[in-house]
């Protein structure tokens, strides 16, 4: 993923990032907001197929977080199944239905003294198995109700969950 153009700042509304693909598969990806618990933030991303053909999805999307300077953050991606029990993986997404995944990270410095910086302004997401298209999801850059910045601490790890069906 070599795209590293600065993104426009978050303007208070959520815009879906379009991902064009071959053969009528057209995904949109949108940051829906966070939940938190145990010191971690669970950033929820919604994927929807607005095309005319099914899309073959990766089990775990490839994610690069881009900072305000237009360069990738120095955080490391891992893939995890956070919650035990049955999940409904989505190997293909038909036109219309939705799927989702989470980015999980710890936003505070060790000891919880202050928020980590910088916050990512864009998430570059590659959810499909075919093609090299990458969607850009705009992220909030300041803390506001229901709009948690995605700011894993430098050199820390953020986790990406598998793509699952629903909401």
Protein backbone atom coordinates (compact mmCIF):
# COMPACT_ATOMS: atom_id res chain seq x y z
CA UNK A 1 0.00 0.00 0.00
CA UNK A 2 2.00 2.92 -1.23
CA UNK A 3 -0.70 5.58 -1.13
CA UNK A 4 0.21 8.25 1.36
CA UNK A 5 -1.58 11.42 0.37
CA UNK A 6 -2.85 13.63 3.22
CA UNK A 7 -6.57 13.27 3.80
CA UNK A 8 -9.05 16.01 4.51
CA UNK A 9 -9.73 16.52 8.22
CA UNK A 10 -12.81 14.91 9.75
CA UNK A 11 -15.72 17.29 9.34
CA UNK A 12 -18.24 15.81 11.76
CA UNK A 13 -20.08 13.51 9.37
CA UNK A 14 -19.16 10.04 8.24
CA UNK A 15 -18.34 9.61 4.58
CA UNK A 16 -18.01 6.11 3.17
CA UNK A 17 -14.85 5.33 1.24
CA UNK A 18 -15.57 3.70 -2.10
CA UNK A 19 -13.55 0.77 -3.34
CA UNK A 20 -13.94 -0.02 -7.02
CA UNK A 21 -13.13 -3.50 -8.18
CA UNK A 22 -13.48 -5.53 -11.31
CA UNK A 23 -16.62 -7.34 -12.47
CA UNK A 24 -19.15 -5.14 -10.70
CA UNK A 25 -17.95 -5.55 -7.10
CA UNK A 26 -18.07 -2.10 -5.45
CA UNK A 27 -17.46 -1.87 -1.71
CA UNK A 28 -17.90 1.10 0.58
CA UNK A 29 -16.22 1.21 3.97
CA UNK A 30 -17.18 3.62 6.74
CA UNK A 31 -15.94 4.22 10.28
CA UNK A 32 -19.11 3.90 12.36
CA UNK A 33 -17.72 4.82 15.77
CA UNK A 34 -16.19 3.24 18.84
CA UNK A 35 -17.00 1.35 21.96
CA UNK A 36 -14.49 0.93 24.73
CA UNK A 37 -13.73 -1.28 27.67
CA UNK A 38 -10.80 -2.71 29.60
CA UNK A 39 -8.71 0.27 28.48
CA UNK A 40 -9.07 -0.58 24.78
CA UNK A 41 -11.04 1.17 22.06
CA UNK A 42 -13.00 -0.96 19.58
CA UNK A 43 -13.34 1.07 16.35
CA UNK A 44 -16.20 -0.33 14.27
CA UNK A 45 -15.97 -0.30 10.44
CA UNK A 46 -18.92 -1.13 8.20
CA UNK A 47 -18.45 -2.72 4.75
CA UNK A 48 -21.23 -2.72 2.18
CA UNK A 49 -21.31 -4.06 -1.37
CA UNK A 50 -23.04 -1.50 -3.58
CA UNK A 51 -22.06 -3.22 -6.81
CA UNK A 52 -23.81 -5.77 -9.00
CA UNK A 53 -21.53 -8.73 -8.29
CA UNK A 54 -20.33 -10.54 -5.18
CA UNK A 55 -16.96 -9.50 -3.70
CA UNK A 56 -14.43 -12.04 -2.41
CA UNK A 57 -13.17 -10.72 0.92
CA UNK A 58 -10.02 -11.32 2.91
CA UNK A 59 -10.58 -12.99 6.24
CA UNK A 60 -8.79 -10.03 7.86
CA UNK A 61 -8.59 -6.73 5.95
CA UNK A 62 -5.16 -5.19 5.47
CA UNK A 63 -5.07 -1.83 7.29
CA UNK A 64 -2.55 1.02 7.23
CA UNK A 65 -3.17 3.99 9.52
CA UNK A 66 -2.06 7.33 8.05
CA UNK A 67 -1.10 10.25 10.29
CA UNK A 68 -1.62 13.99 9.74
CA UNK A 69 1.72 14.26 7.89
CA UNK A 70 0.48 11.80 5.24
CA UNK A 71 2.80 8.99 6.35
CA UNK A 72 1.90 5.67 7.99
CA UNK A 73 1.85 5.67 11.80
CA UNK A 74 4.55 3.63 13.50
CA UNK A 75 2.08 1.11 14.88
CA UNK A 76 1.96 -2.55 13.98
CA UNK A 77 -1.04 -4.48 12.74
CA UNK A 78 -1.96 -7.87 14.15
CA UNK A 79 -4.94 -10.07 13.37
CA UNK A 80 -7.05 -11.57 16.07
CA UNK A 81 -10.30 -13.29 16.89
CA UNK A 82 -11.19 -11.23 19.95
CA UNK A 83 -14.32 -12.92 21.10
CA UNK A 84 -14.54 -16.67 21.57
CA UNK A 85 -17.44 -18.61 20.26
CA UNK A 86 -19.03 -18.82 16.85
CA UNK A 87 -18.53 -16.04 14.34
CA UNK A 88 -19.95 -15.86 10.87
CA UNK A 89 -16.99 -15.24 8.55
CA UNK A 90 -17.83 -13.64 5.24
CA UNK A 91 -15.78 -15.12 2.38
CA UNK A 92 -17.98 -13.34 -0.18
CA UNK A 93 -20.25 -10.34 0.18
CA UNK A 94 -23.26 -10.33 -2.14
CA UNK A 95 -24.66 -7.04 -3.48
CA UNK A 96 -26.58 -5.24 -0.73
CA UNK A 97 -25.65 -7.05 2.49
CA UNK A 98 -23.25 -5.63 5.06
CA UNK A 99 -20.31 -6.92 7.00
CA UNK A 100 -18.02 -5.38 9.59
CA UNK A 101 -14.65 -5.57 11.31
CA UNK A 102 -13.02 -3.86 14.27
CA UNK A 103 -9.71 -2.13 14.83
CA UNK A 104 -8.79 -2.51 18.50
CA UNK A 105 -6.15 -0.36 20.16
CA UNK A 106 -5.09 1.19 23.46
CA UNK A 107 -5.25 5.02 23.20
CA UNK A 108 -3.37 5.92 26.40
CA UNK A 109 0.31 5.89 27.25
CA UNK A 110 1.51 3.17 29.63
CA UNK A 111 0.12 4.05 33.04
CA UNK A 112 -2.83 5.88 31.43
CA UNK A 113 -1.37 9.36 31.96
CA UNK A 114 -2.19 10.88 28.58
CA UNK A 115 -3.59 10.14 25.13
CA UNK A 116 -1.20 8.87 22.49
CA UNK A 117 -0.46 11.08 19.51
CA UNK A 118 -0.75 11.56 16.66
CA UNK A 119 -4.18 10.32 15.75
CA UNK A 120 -4.64 8.71 12.35
CA UNK A 121 -6.57 10.86 9.88
CA UNK A 122 -7.16 8.06 7.38
CA UNK A 123 -7.32 4.29 7.38
CA UNK A 124 -6.23 2.66 4.12
CA UNK A 125 -8.13 -0.61 3.95
CA UNK A 126 -7.69 -3.46 1.48
CA UNK A 127 -10.56 -5.89 2.13
CA UNK A 128 -10.68 -7.90 -1.11
CA UNK A 129 -8.73 -10.94 -2.20
CA UNK A 130 -8.63 -9.87 -5.83
CA UNK A 131 -7.17 -6.65 -7.16
CA UNK A 132 -5.05 -4.10 -5.38
CA UNK A 133 -7.67 -1.42 -4.74
CA UNK A 134 -7.53 0.29 -1.38
CA UNK A 135 -10.39 2.17 0.30
CA UNK A 136 -9.74 5.32 2.32
CA UNK A 137 -11.88 5.72 5.42
CA UNK A 138 -11.74 9.21 6.96
CA UNK A 139 -11.25 9.16 10.73
CA UNK A 140 -12.03 11.74 13.43
CA UNK A 141 -8.97 13.58 14.72
CA UNK A 142 -10.33 14.84 18.03
CA UNK A 143 -12.28 13.25 20.85
CA UNK A 144 -16.00 13.91 20.62
CA UNK A 145 -19.04 11.90 21.63
CA UNK A 146 -19.22 8.78 19.45
CA UNK A 147 -16.16 9.85 17.45
CA UNK A 148 -13.06 8.42 19.12
CA UNK A 149 -9.83 9.15 17.24
CA UNK A 150 -7.90 6.07 16.14
CA UNK A 151 -4.60 6.74 17.89
CA UNK A 152 -2.64 3.68 18.90
CA UNK A 153 0.53 4.59 20.75
CA UNK A 154 3.71 4.79 18.63
CA UNK A 155 5.39 1.41 18.13
CA UNK A 156 2.38 -0.28 19.71
CA UNK A 157 0.18 -2.92 18.11
CA UNK A 158 -3.38 -2.49 16.94
CA UNK A 159 -5.52 -5.52 16.20
CA UNK A 160 -7.82 -6.11 13.25
CA UNK A 161 -10.64 -8.60 13.68
CA UNK A 162 -11.95 -10.87 10.95
CA UNK A 163 -14.71 -9.63 8.67
CA UNK A 164 -18.04 -10.95 9.93
CA UNK A 165 -21.62 -10.68 8.72
CA UNK A 166 -24.11 -8.16 9.96
CA UNK A 167 -24.65 -4.61 10.95
